[in-house]
Amino acid sequence: MEHDRPVILLVAGEHADVVEQEFRARYDRDYRIELTAGADAALDRARALVAQGEQIAMIAAEQRLDDGTAIELLHQVPAVVATARRVALVPFEIFAESLDDLRAATMRRELDTFVILPRGPRDEEFHTALIELLSEWNWSVGRPVVTVTDLVAEPGDRAAAAIRDLLERLGFPYRSLTPADDDAHAILEAAGPGAELPVVSTHTGRTLSGATSAAVAESIYGGFDSIPDGVIADVAIVGAGPAGLATAVYAASEGLATVVLERDAIGGQAGSSSMIRNYLGFPRGISGMRLAQRSRIQASRFGARFFTGRPAIRVEPGPPNEPEHQHVHVTGAQLCARTVVLATGVAYRRLGVPGVEELVGAGVYYGAATSMAREMQDRDVYVVGGGNSAGQAAVHLAKFAGGVTILVRRASLAETMSDYLVREIEATPTIQVRTRTVVADGGGEGWLQWLRLEDLDTGEHTKTSADGLFCLLGAEPDCAWLPEGVALDERGFVLTGRDVPRESWVDGHPPASLETTVPGVFAVGDVRAGSMKRVASASGEGASVLPLVHAHLARLRAREFGA
């Protein structure tokens, strides 16, 4: 049906034939292609489509139009449809003279990208740019047509909300059903009599009753019970954020037997970022989900094995009568590995406000919670935090919410947030920033309805209505489970290299640069004391640890052969 296909709205000038031909040839099956002439006609048509309940996936406009430029038009689009991707189509003959204006417009977030119009067949660079944008639109805005997982739950079920968030972060297309839906009947029947909601039918054919996000995660990548007995991996990576994933890719690609343990969704905190624009090699940006998904597939193709759904609870040396290795324990299972890389990242700090904490999962969320952005349509949303994750969450939420307010303790976002995000926030009219402000209280009947905000300079309290609160409050390491032999700093981050206490040095020499006070146990990424707390730096440390792992494995082999 025509109504089922999202719209790509084309705005053409003198190259209308080329524009229409390129889009219809590639996208006409899955999208409804509409052609308009001029900026005014395009805005009028966009308003009409929105009024009819149609989804507009993309608006692509020639740079030169009869009544203005693509930049002028695309700047106005968010006021009509905030979620549509905006593309300037630039004829080659005016590209050089338009480049400065296009770059400036991109920095001001007046458009998503600009591409040169094809001058011949098979211009795959042109279509790669469009497909990337459409892919991200389908993940973050559109609903999946083909699904691999079904979730049956009552509306407002908090466990179901956590499962949806997990599936969104993993990039798994799913259907969300209520028990009354026709398609839910067969799923509930497969779950058996007395099945407890939520019920999840997974891509493996299993049906989970009383499902939790941990159980769903474990069902996707294989249970810990399938870890072979007596097998010693070369490297066990604890944590599958950017640092752990980079370690997995490089370790597996270099022939090491590699196992990755993750308690939650693969991708870590970065996996919940709606769009990372300053990661090397992705000029149009990449979502955290997509980055994690590609990295996981890459590591798996080299032979790395992933186990998710349970946290690591203990690391200890193996028996003295066996070759030197470590035992990594999770609840109900144990993994043996010659080296261990700690890449557990950090967790967001809690607000500690009782009325707010009681509503976690019911309007209050820790992390970006991209799965809930659609649920915030036309609502009043608050984001707590001044880092990049908070900025990315606010920009994404602003595509759906009626208004987004960022609350930050500091006097300025510029103190803790990347400049490109500060500029993007300033250019988004539906986002406001309240500095020197904290959440003092909040509440609601089964769902967040109000917040009480405190001005840190005046002490004044203001009560305001609120439909959503997303908390991204900075980093706290999760290292309480580590053995006493692993030295931590005063904030609980893992010490490595020359930063470890001198009494832990061996023969006057510190551990290797990323090695902890326990030989063969390394730390990379956000969990490591002194790390930069950025996606790129975490990935870099994950790659940099491999020579140290190889060196330790060589020492173990030398000791074994020497014995």
Protein backbone atom coordinates (compact mmCIF):
# COMPACT_ATOMS: atom_id res chain seq x y z
CA MET A 1 0.00 0.00 0.00
CA GLU A 2 1.18 3.51 -0.79
CA HIS A 3 0.53 4.68 2.77
CA ASP A 4 2.87 2.00 4.16
CA ARG A 5 5.92 3.36 2.38
CA PRO A 6 7.78 6.30 3.93
CA VAL A 7 8.21 9.30 1.66
CA ILE A 8 11.39 10.65 0.12
CA LEU A 9 10.57 14.20 -0.90
CA LEU A 10 12.71 15.54 -3.73
CA VAL A 11 13.06 19.26 -4.38
CA ALA A 12 14.45 19.80 -7.85
CA GLY A 13 15.76 22.68 -9.91
CA GLU A 14 17.20 22.46 -13.40
CA HIS A 15 18.45 18.88 -12.84
CA ALA A 16 15.01 17.45 -12.05
CA ASP A 17 15.37 14.57 -14.53
CA VAL A 18 18.65 13.36 -13.06
CA VAL A 19 17.43 13.71 -9.49
CA GLU A 20 14.20 11.82 -10.08
CA GLN A 21 15.88 9.08 -12.12
CA GLU A 22 18.56 8.39 -9.46
CA PHE A 23 16.06 8.11 -6.63
CA ARG A 24 13.39 6.15 -8.46
CA ALA A 25 15.90 3.65 -9.85
CA ARG A 26 17.20 2.73 -6.39
CA TYR A 27 14.51 3.49 -3.79
CA ASP A 28 11.09 3.35 -5.43
CA ARG A 29 10.28 -0.13 -4.11
CA ASP A 30 10.67 0.73 -0.43
CA TYR A 31 9.91 4.47 -0.42
CA ARG A 32 7.36 6.65 -2.14
CA ILE A 33 9.28 9.15 -4.23
CA GLU A 34 7.64 12.55 -4.64
CA LEU A 35 9.06 15.37 -6.75
CA THR A 36 8.41 19.05 -6.07
CA ALA A 37 9.75 22.20 -7.64
CA GLY A 38 11.00 24.92 -5.34
CA ALA A 39 11.31 25.49 -1.61
CA ASP A 40 7.81 26.85 -0.99
CA ALA A 41 6.14 23.94 -2.78
CA ALA A 42 8.30 21.45 -0.83
CA LEU A 43 7.40 22.94 2.56
CA ASP A 44 3.72 22.99 1.64
CA ARG A 45 3.85 19.34 0.56
CA ALA A 46 5.76 18.34 3.70
CA ARG A 47 3.12 20.00 5.88
CA ALA A 48 0.36 18.17 3.99
CA LEU A 49 2.10 14.81 4.37
CA VAL A 50 2.58 15.33 8.12
CA ALA A 51 -1.09 16.31 8.46
CA GLN A 52 -2.05 13.06 6.71
CA GLY A 53 0.03 11.02 9.15
CA GLU A 54 2.65 10.08 6.56
CA GLN A 55 6.28 9.43 7.51
CA ILE A 56 8.89 11.50 5.68
CA ALA A 57 12.22 9.69 5.74
CA MET A 58 14.25 12.19 3.74
CA ILE A 59 14.05 15.59 2.03
CA ALA A 60 16.69 15.96 -0.67
CA ALA A 61 17.00 19.32 -2.43
CA GLU A 62 19.11 20.70 -5.22
CA GLN A 63 21.43 23.40 -3.97
CA ARG A 64 20.09 25.93 -6.49
CA LEU A 65 16.32 26.33 -6.59
CA ASP A 66 14.16 28.88 -8.35
CA ASP A 67 13.15 30.41 -5.01
CA GLY A 68 16.29 30.00 -2.92
CA THR A 69 18.91 27.40 -1.99
CA ALA A 70 18.83 23.95 -0.44
CA ILE A 71 20.47 25.39 2.68
CA GLU A 72 17.68 27.93 3.15
CA LEU A 73 15.02 25.28 2.61
CA LEU A 74 16.54 22.52 4.76
CA HIS A 75 17.05 24.97 7.61
CA GLN A 76 13.24 25.29 7.80
CA VAL A 77 12.47 21.57 7.60
CA PRO A 78 12.76 20.67 11.34
CA ALA A 79 9.90 23.06 12.14
CA VAL A 80 7.71 20.89 9.87
CA VAL A 81 9.17 17.40 10.41
CA ALA A 82 12.10 17.11 12.81
CA THR A 83 12.95 13.49 12.05
CA ALA A 84 13.41 13.68 8.27
CA ARG A 85 17.00 13.39 7.03
CA ARG A 86 18.08 16.50 5.10
CA VAL A 87 20.37 16.30 2.07
CA ALA A 88 21.68 18.98 -0.26
CA LEU A 89 22.19 17.74 -3.84
CA VAL A 90 25.00 19.69 -5.49
CA PRO A 91 25.67 19.72 -9.26
CA PHE A 92 29.36 19.22 -9.93
CA GLU A 93 29.70 22.51 -11.82
CA ILE A 94 28.80 24.59 -8.74
CA PHE A 95 30.36 22.35 -6.09
CA ALA A 96 33.56 24.36 -5.61
CA GLU A 97 31.76 27.69 -5.24
CA SER A 98 29.17 26.20 -2.86
CA LEU A 99 31.54 24.21 -0.67
CA ASP A 100 32.22 26.83 2.01
CA ASP A 101 28.52 27.56 2.47
CA LEU A 102 27.67 23.86 2.62
CA ARG A 103 30.34 23.12 5.21
CA ALA A 104 29.18 26.02 7.36
CA ALA A 105 25.56 24.88 7.09
CA THR A 106 26.55 21.35 8.11
CA MET A 107 28.39 22.68 11.16
CA ARG A 108 25.30 24.71 12.09
CA ARG A 109 23.25 21.49 11.68
CA GLU A 110 21.06 23.08 9.00
CA LEU A 111 21.41 19.89 6.97
CA ASP A 112 22.66 16.35 7.56
CA THR A 113 24.97 16.05 4.59
CA PHE A 114 25.64 17.23 1.04
CA VAL A 115 26.51 15.07 -1.97
CA ILE A 116 27.48 15.70 -5.57
CA LEU A 117 24.80 14.75 -8.08
CA PRO A 118 25.82 11.71 -10.15
CA ARG A 119 27.29 12.46 -13.58
CA GLY A 120 27.03 8.90 -14.81
CA PRO A 121 25.82 5.40 -13.88
CA ARG A 122 26.81 3.48 -10.74
CA ASP A 123 27.76 6.44 -8.56
CA GLU A 124 27.99 4.29 -5.42
CA GLU A 125 29.52 7.04 -3.28
CA PHE A 126 26.36 9.09 -3.82
CA HIS A 127 24.09 6.19 -2.88
CA THR A 128 26.25 5.12 0.08
CA ALA A 129 25.66 8.53 1.66
CA LEU A 130 21.90 8.24 1.14
CA ILE A 131 21.68 4.64 2.34
CA GLU A 132 23.56 5.43 5.55
CA LEU A 133 21.08 8.19 6.36
CA LEU A 134 18.07 6.05 5.48
CA SER A 135 19.45 3.18 7.54
CA GLU A 136 19.78 5.37 10.62
CA TRP A 137 16.31 6.83 10.02
CA ASN A 138 14.78 3.37 9.85
CA TRP A 139 16.48 2.32 13.08
CA SER A 140 15.76 5.43 15.12
CA VAL A 141 12.44 6.64 13.65
CA GLY A 142 10.79 4.09 11.38
CA ARG A 143 9.24 0.87 12.56
CA PRO A 144 10.80 -2.41 11.33
CA VAL A 145 8.89 -4.25 8.62
CA VAL A 146 10.81 -7.52 8.96
CA THR A 147 11.38 -8.58 12.58
CA VAL A 148 13.32 -11.39 14.23
CA THR A 149 12.01 -11.09 17.79
CA ASP A 150 8.53 -10.67 19.27
CA LEU A 151 7.84 -9.14 22.68
CA VAL A 152 4.45 -9.59 24.35
CA ALA A 153 3.75 -7.41 27.39
CA GLU A 154 1.17 -5.19 28.98
CA PRO A 155 1.53 -1.44 28.28
CA GLY A 156 3.79 0.23 30.83
CA ASP A 157 5.60 -2.99 31.81
CA ARG A 158 9.03 -1.87 33.09
CA ALA A 159 10.72 -5.21 32.37
CA ALA A 160 9.45 -4.96 28.79
CA ALA A 161 10.85 -1.42 28.51
CA ALA A 162 14.29 -2.72 29.54
CA ILE A 163 14.04 -5.50 26.92
CA ARG A 164 13.05 -3.00 24.21
CA ASP A 165 16.02 -0.83 25.13
CA LEU A 166 18.35 -3.84 24.90
CA LEU A 167 17.01 -4.85 21.48
CA GLU A 168 17.29 -1.29 20.18
CA ARG A 169 20.90 -1.04 21.35
CA LEU A 170 21.71 -4.37 19.70
CA GLY A 171 20.01 -3.34 16.45
CA PHE A 172 17.62 -6.32 16.61
CA PRO A 173 14.33 -5.55 14.77
CA TYR A 174 11.39 -6.61 16.91
CA ARG A 175 7.62 -6.36 17.31
CA SER A 176 6.07 -5.11 20.51
CA LEU A 177 2.66 -6.71 21.10
CA THR A 178 0.02 -6.71 23.82
CA PRO A 179 -1.64 -9.96 24.97
CA ALA A 180 -4.84 -8.86 23.20
CA ASP A 181 -3.17 -8.62 19.76
CA ASP A 182 -4.02 -11.42 17.34
CA ASP A 183 -0.36 -12.12 16.57
CA ALA A 184 0.37 -12.58 20.30
CA HIS A 185 -1.88 -15.61 20.72
CA ALA A 186 0.46 -18.14 19.12
CA ILE A 187 3.41 -16.77 21.07
CA LEU A 188 1.60 -17.06 24.39
CA GLU A 189 0.46 -20.56 23.48
CA ALA A 190 4.07 -21.57 22.77
CA ALA A 191 5.09 -20.19 26.16
CA GLY A 192 2.75 -22.69 27.81
CA PRO A 193 -0.02 -22.49 30.42
CA GLY A 194 0.48 -19.84 33.08
CA ALA A 195 3.17 -18.02 31.12
CA GLU A 196 4.38 -14.91 32.91
CA LEU A 197 4.61 -11.63 31.03
CA PRO A 198 6.66 -10.34 29.40
CA VAL A 199 7.02 -13.20 26.94
CA VAL A 200 9.71 -13.04 24.25
CA SER A 201 9.91 -15.21 21.13
CA THR A 202 13.55 -15.07 20.00
CA HIS A 203 15.18 -15.51 16.60
CA THR A 204 16.53 -18.88 17.77
CA GLY A 205 13.02 -20.28 18.22
CA ARG A 206 13.07 -20.12 22.02
CA THR A 207 10.16 -18.61 23.91
CA LEU A 208 11.03 -16.94 27.22
CA SER A 209 8.39 -16.57 29.92
CA GLY A 210 8.85 -13.85 32.55
CA ALA A 211 11.64 -12.54 30.34
CA THR A 212 14.30 -10.12 31.54
CA SER A 213 16.79 -8.12 29.51
CA ALA A 214 19.60 -10.36 30.82
CA ALA A 215 17.77 -13.53 29.77
CA VAL A 216 17.09 -12.10 26.32
CA ALA A 217 20.73 -11.04 25.91
CA GLU A 218 21.91 -14.51 26.87
CA SER A 219 19.49 -16.14 24.43
CA ILE A 220 20.80 -14.04 21.56
CA TYR A 221 24.53 -14.82 21.79
CA GLY A 222 24.52 -18.17 23.60
CA GLY A 223 24.43 -19.09 27.24
CA PHE A 224 27.43 -19.29 29.52
CA ASP A 225 26.57 -22.93 30.09
CA SER A 226 27.89 -23.64 26.60
CA ILE A 227 31.44 -22.61 27.54
CA PRO A 228 33.50 -25.78 26.96
CA ASP A 229 35.02 -27.36 30.06
CA GLY A 230 38.79 -27.60 30.21
CA VAL A 231 39.40 -25.10 27.40
CA ILE A 232 41.78 -22.22 28.16
CA ALA A 233 41.31 -19.16 25.97
CA ASP A 234 44.27 -16.95 25.12
CA VAL A 235 42.39 -13.82 26.14
CA ALA A 236 39.15 -13.21 28.02
CA ILE A 237 37.74 -9.72 27.55
CA VAL A 238 35.36 -8.55 30.25
CA GLY A 239 33.14 -5.86 28.74
CA ALA A 240 32.02 -5.30 25.15
CA GLY A 241 32.09 -1.52 24.81
CA PRO A 242 34.38 0.14 22.25
CA ALA A 243 37.54 -0.85 24.17
CA GLY A 244 36.52 -4.48 24.56
CA LEU A 245 35.30 -4.75 20.98
CA ALA A 246 38.55 -3.31 19.62
CA THR A 247 40.52 -5.79 21.71
CA ALA A 248 38.34 -8.63 20.40
CA VAL A 249 38.80 -7.62 16.76
CA TYR A 250 42.58 -7.37 16.99
CA ALA A 251 43.07 -10.41 19.24
CA ALA A 252 40.92 -12.69 17.09
CA SER A 253 42.39 -11.36 13.85
CA GLU A 254 45.88 -12.22 15.14
CA GLY A 255 44.88 -15.81 15.80
CA LEU A 256 44.31 -15.70 19.56
CA ALA A 257 41.48 -17.75 21.06
CA THR A 258 39.25 -14.89 22.16
CA VAL A 259 36.18 -14.83 24.39
CA VAL A 260 34.15 -11.72 25.29
CA LEU A 261 31.93 -11.51 28.38
CA GLU A 262 29.29 -8.75 28.59
CA ARG A 263 26.66 -8.33 31.28
CA ASP A 264 24.38 -6.10 29.22
CA ALA A 265 24.12 -5.00 25.58
CA ILE A 266 27.16 -5.26 23.34
CA GLY A 267 28.36 -1.72 22.75
CA GLY A 268 28.31 -0.49 26.33
CA GLN A 269 27.34 3.12 26.94
CA ALA A 270 28.51 4.10 23.47
CA GLY A 271 25.97 1.66 22.03
CA SER A 272 23.12 3.84 23.28
CA SER A 273 24.41 7.00 21.56
CA SER A 274 22.03 8.07 18.81
CA MET A 275 24.78 9.64 16.69
CA ILE A 276 28.56 9.94 17.15
CA ARG A 277 29.82 12.59 14.76
CA ASN A 278 33.48 12.88 15.74
CA TYR A 279 34.60 9.26 15.34
CA LEU A 280 37.44 8.84 12.85
CA GLY A 281 36.41 7.50 9.46
CA PHE A 282 32.69 8.33 9.59
CA PRO A 283 32.32 11.82 8.12
CA ARG A 284 28.52 11.69 8.28
CA GLY A 285 28.56 10.22 11.79
CA ILE A 286 27.54 6.78 13.01
CA SER A 287 25.14 5.65 15.71
CA GLY A 288 26.56 3.82 18.70
CA MET A 289 24.35 0.86 17.88
CA ARG A 290 25.70 0.61 14.34
CA LEU A 291 29.32 0.98 15.49
CA ALA A 292 28.87 -1.78 18.08
CA GLN A 293 27.00 -4.02 15.64
CA ARG A 294 29.68 -3.75 12.97
CA SER A 295 32.49 -4.28 15.50
CA ARG A 296 30.80 -7.36 16.94
CA ILE A 297 30.27 -8.88 13.49
CA GLN A 298 33.88 -8.09 12.59
CA ALA A 299 35.24 -9.76 15.73
CA SER A 300 32.94 -12.77 15.27
CA ARG A 301 34.13 -13.30 11.71
CA PHE A 302 37.69 -13.55 13.03
CA GLY A 303 36.54 -16.19 15.52
CA ALA A 304 35.81 -14.28 18.75
CA ARG A 305 33.01 -15.77 20.86
CA PHE A 306 30.53 -13.60 22.77
CA PHE A 307 28.62 -14.46 25.93
CA THR A 308 26.17 -11.93 27.33
CA GLY A 309 23.59 -11.55 30.07
CA ARG A 310 25.61 -12.23 33.22
CA PRO A 311 28.17 -10.05 35.01
CA ALA A 312 31.66 -11.20 35.90
CA ILE A 313 31.81 -11.69 39.67
CA ARG A 314 35.37 -12.86 40.34
CA VAL A 315 38.83 -13.25 38.82
CA GLU A 316 41.35 -15.56 40.49
CA PRO A 317 44.48 -17.52 39.55
CA GLY A 318 44.08 -21.08 38.29
CA PRO A 319 45.38 -24.04 40.30
CA PRO A 320 49.17 -24.17 40.80
CA ASN A 321 49.41 -27.65 39.28
CA GLU A 322 48.09 -26.38 35.91
CA PRO A 323 49.64 -24.07 33.28
CA GLU A 324 49.47 -20.48 34.51
CA HIS A 325 46.12 -18.87 33.75
CA GLN A 326 43.18 -16.98 35.28
CA HIS A 327 39.68 -18.12 36.18
CA VAL A 328 36.94 -15.62 35.32
CA HIS A 329 33.69 -16.43 37.12
CA VAL A 330 30.16 -15.43 36.25
CA THR A 331 27.10 -16.67 38.11
CA GLY A 332 26.91 -20.39 37.48
CA ALA A 333 29.86 -20.62 35.08
CA GLN A 334 33.63 -20.27 34.83
CA LEU A 335 35.98 -19.35 31.99
CA CYS A 336 39.72 -20.11 31.90
CA ALA A 337 42.06 -17.69 30.11
CA ARG A 338 45.80 -17.08 29.95
CA THR A 339 45.23 -13.31 29.95
CA VAL A 340 42.32 -11.12 31.00
CA VAL A 341 41.50 -7.66 29.62
CA LEU A 342 39.23 -5.56 31.83
CA ALA A 343 37.09 -3.34 29.58
CA THR A 344 34.04 -2.96 31.81
CA GLY A 345 33.67 0.76 31.21
CA VAL A 346 31.69 2.80 33.69
CA ALA A 347 28.11 3.20 34.87
CA TYR A 348 26.11 6.40 35.10
CA ARG A 349 25.92 7.81 38.61
CA ARG A 350 22.50 7.72 40.24
CA LEU A 351 20.58 10.85 41.11
CA GLY A 352 19.81 9.55 44.58
CA VAL A 353 16.45 11.35 44.72
CA PRO A 354 13.95 8.83 46.20
CA GLY A 355 10.86 10.03 44.30
CA VAL A 356 12.76 9.84 41.03
CA GLU A 357 14.47 6.51 41.70
CA GLU A 358 11.07 4.87 42.29
CA LEU A 359 10.10 5.68 38.70
CA VAL A 360 13.12 4.22 36.90
CA GLY A 361 11.69 2.55 33.80
CA ALA A 362 8.49 4.58 34.07
CA GLY A 363 9.56 7.91 32.62
CA VAL A 364 12.98 7.94 34.31
CA TYR A 365 15.94 6.38 32.50
CA TYR A 366 19.67 6.09 33.06
CA GLY A 367 21.42 6.33 29.72
CA ALA A 368 20.29 7.63 26.35
CA ALA A 369 17.43 5.10 26.08
CA THR A 370 17.00 5.59 22.34
CA SER A 371 14.15 3.08 22.41
CA MET A 372 12.07 5.51 24.45
CA ALA A 373 12.60 8.53 22.19
CA ARG A 374 9.57 7.65 20.04
CA GLU A 375 7.46 7.42 23.21
CA MET A 376 8.32 11.05 23.99
CA GLN A 377 6.43 12.42 20.97
CA ASP A 378 5.32 16.00 21.74
CA ARG A 379 6.14 15.58 25.46
CA ASP A 380 8.25 17.62 27.88
CA VAL A 381 11.59 15.90 28.42
CA TYR A 382 14.56 16.67 30.69
CA VAL A 383 18.15 15.49 30.26
CA VAL A 384 20.52 15.62 33.23
CA GLY A 385 24.22 15.81 32.41
CA GLY A 386 26.77 17.96 30.62
CA GLY A 387 28.88 15.42 28.74
CA ASN A 388 28.76 14.28 25.13
CA SER A 389 26.35 11.44 25.90
CA ALA A 390 23.88 13.92 27.37
CA GLY A 391 24.25 16.22 24.38
CA GLN A 392 23.70 13.41 21.89
CA ALA A 393 20.64 12.23 23.83
CA ALA A 394 19.15 15.74 23.90
CA VAL A 395 19.62 16.25 20.15
CA HIS A 396 18.01 12.89 19.40
CA LEU A 397 15.10 13.42 21.80
CA ALA A 398 14.46 16.85 20.27
CA LYS A 399 13.42 15.13 17.03
CA PHE A 400 10.39 13.74 18.86
CA ALA A 401 9.70 15.69 22.05
CA GLY A 402 7.78 18.92 22.23
CA GLY A 403 10.62 20.41 24.25
CA VAL A 404 13.92 19.23 25.75
CA THR A 405 15.62 20.88 28.72
CA ILE A 406 19.21 20.07 29.62
CA LEU A 407 20.03 20.44 33.32
CA VAL A 408 23.69 20.87 34.20
CA ARG A 409 25.49 21.74 37.45
CA ARG A 410 28.21 23.76 35.76
CA ALA A 411 27.96 27.30 34.46
CA SER A 412 28.35 26.25 30.82
CA LEU A 413 28.04 23.19 28.60
CA ALA A 414 31.31 24.16 26.94
CA GLU A 415 33.25 23.07 30.03
CA THR A 416 32.46 19.38 29.50
CA MET A 417 30.90 18.94 26.03
CA SER A 418 32.48 18.85 22.57
CA ASP A 419 32.12 22.07 20.62
CA TYR A 420 30.25 20.45 17.72
CA LEU A 421 27.52 19.29 20.12
CA VAL A 422 27.28 22.65 21.87
CA ARG A 423 26.74 24.29 18.47
CA GLU A 424 24.15 21.69 17.50
CA ILE A 425 22.23 22.26 20.71
CA GLU A 426 22.34 26.02 20.23
CA ALA A 427 20.95 25.54 16.71
CA THR A 428 18.03 23.39 17.89
CA PRO A 429 15.15 25.69 18.89
CA THR A 430 13.32 23.05 20.94
CA ILE A 431 16.30 22.54 23.29
CA GLN A 432 16.93 24.87 26.20
CA VAL A 433 19.78 24.67 28.71
CA ARG A 434 19.47 25.42 32.41
CA THR A 435 22.89 25.74 34.00
CA ARG A 436 23.63 25.54 37.72
CA THR A 437 20.44 23.51 38.15
CA VAL A 438 19.79 20.08 39.69
CA VAL A 439 16.81 17.78 40.26
CA ALA A 440 15.74 18.03 43.88
CA ASP A 441 12.58 15.90 43.74
CA GLY A 442 10.11 14.27 41.37
CA GLY A 443 7.13 11.99 41.27
CA GLY A 444 3.96 10.80 39.58
CA GLU A 445 1.24 8.17 39.69
CA GLY A 446 2.89 5.16 38.08
CA TRP A 447 4.77 7.40 35.62
CA LEU A 448 6.90 10.52 35.96
CA GLN A 449 4.68 13.60 35.97
CA TRP A 450 6.65 16.35 37.70
CA LEU A 451 10.09 17.49 38.81
CA ARG A 452 11.25 19.97 41.40
CA LEU A 453 14.36 21.81 40.21
CA GLU A 454 16.84 23.66 42.42
CA ASP A 455 18.89 26.68 41.33
CA LEU A 456 22.32 26.13 42.89
CA ASP A 457 23.11 29.85 42.97
CA THR A 458 19.90 31.14 44.55
CA GLY A 459 18.59 28.01 46.26
CA GLU A 460 15.21 28.65 44.63
CA HIS A 461 13.00 25.62 43.91
CA THR A 462 10.72 25.39 40.86
CA LYS A 463 8.13 22.68 40.24
CA THR A 464 7.55 21.78 36.59
CA SER A 465 5.64 19.14 34.66
CA ALA A 466 7.80 16.45 33.07
CA ASP A 467 7.05 13.36 31.00
CA GLY A 468 10.57 11.99 30.70
CA LEU A 469 13.87 12.29 32.57
CA PHE A 470 17.07 10.92 31.03
CA CYS A 471 20.04 10.87 33.41
CA LEU A 472 23.59 10.80 32.05
CA LEU A 473 25.51 11.88 35.10
CA GLY A 474 29.11 10.94 34.61
CA ALA A 475 31.20 7.92 35.33
CA GLU A 476 31.49 5.45 38.17
CA PRO A 477 33.60 2.32 37.70
CA ASP A 478 32.24 -1.10 38.60
CA CYS A 479 35.32 -2.68 40.16
CA ALA A 480 34.11 -3.99 43.52
CA TRP A 481 34.21 -7.56 42.16
CA LEU A 482 37.91 -7.43 41.31
CA PRO A 483 40.42 -9.19 43.58
CA GLU A 484 42.34 -7.18 46.17
CA GLY A 485 45.50 -7.66 44.17
CA VAL A 486 44.23 -5.28 41.47
CA ALA A 487 45.16 -1.78 42.63
CA LEU A 488 42.58 0.99 42.27
CA ASP A 489 42.84 4.76 42.61
CA GLU A 490 40.87 6.77 45.16
CA ARG A 491 37.85 6.94 42.82
CA GLY A 492 37.81 3.21 42.17
CA PHE A 493 39.38 3.18 38.68
CA VAL A 494 41.97 0.52 37.81
CA LEU A 495 45.61 1.57 38.03
CA THR A 496 48.01 0.41 35.32
CA GLY A 497 51.66 0.80 34.34
CA ARG A 498 53.66 3.44 36.15
CA ASP A 499 50.55 4.62 38.00
CA VAL A 500 50.42 1.52 40.20
CA PRO A 501 51.91 1.85 43.72
CA ARG A 502 55.69 1.47 43.74
CA GLU A 503 55.49 -1.33 46.28
CA SER A 504 53.78 -3.37 43.55
CA TRP A 505 56.64 -2.93 41.08
CA VAL A 506 58.73 -6.04 40.42
CA ASP A 507 62.51 -5.66 40.72
CA GLY A 508 62.09 -1.90 40.46
CA HIS A 509 60.12 -2.14 37.22
CA PRO A 510 56.46 -1.14 36.82
CA PRO A 511 53.93 -3.32 35.01
CA ALA A 512 53.48 -2.79 31.28
CA SER A 513 51.64 0.40 30.32
CA LEU A 514 48.14 -1.14 30.34
CA GLU A 515 48.86 -3.97 32.79
CA THR A 516 47.44 -4.02 36.31
CA THR A 517 49.21 -5.12 39.48
CA VAL A 518 48.19 -8.70 38.63
CA PRO A 519 50.44 -10.09 35.85
CA GLY A 520 48.44 -11.01 32.78
CA VAL A 521 45.45 -8.88 33.77
CA PHE A 522 45.15 -5.67 31.74
CA ALA A 523 42.74 -2.71 31.80
CA VAL A 524 41.62 -0.57 28.86
CA GLY A 525 39.08 2.15 28.20
CA ASP A 526 36.97 4.05 30.68
CA VAL A 527 37.59 1.68 33.60
CA ARG A 528 41.29 2.50 33.55
CA ALA A 529 42.52 5.36 35.72
CA GLY A 530 43.71 8.26 33.57
CA SER A 531 41.90 7.23 30.39
CA MET A 532 40.31 9.93 28.24
CA LYS A 533 36.67 8.68 28.44
CA ARG A 534 36.06 8.97 24.70
CA VAL A 535 34.97 6.33 22.19
CA ALA A 536 38.03 6.79 19.98
CA SER A 537 40.52 6.64 22.85
CA ALA A 538 38.83 3.54 24.28
CA SER A 539 39.08 1.83 20.89
CA GLY A 540 42.72 2.87 20.65
CA GLU A 541 43.56 1.36 24.03
CA GLY A 542 41.73 -1.81 23.07
CA ALA A 543 44.01 -2.15 20.05
CA SER A 544 47.14 -1.04 21.93
CA VAL A 545 46.84 -3.78 24.56
CA LEU A 546 47.47 -6.58 22.03
CA PRO A 547 51.31 -6.30 21.92
CA LEU A 548 51.30 -6.50 25.74
CA VAL A 549 49.04 -9.58 25.64
CA HIS A 550 51.36 -11.22 23.10
CA ALA A 551 54.39 -10.43 25.25
CA HIS A 552 52.75 -12.00 28.32
CA LEU A 553 51.73 -15.09 26.36
CA ALA A 554 55.33 -15.42 25.10
CA ARG A 555 56.60 -15.31 28.70
CA LEU A 556 54.12 -18.01 29.71
CA ARG A 557 55.26 -20.23 26.83
CA ALA A 558 58.90 -19.68 27.75
CA ARG A 559 58.24 -20.66 31.38
CA GLU A 560 56.29 -23.76 30.31
CA PHE A 561 59.00 -24.91 27.93
CA GLY A 562 61.70 -24.05 30.46
CA ALA A 563 59.93 -26.22 33.01
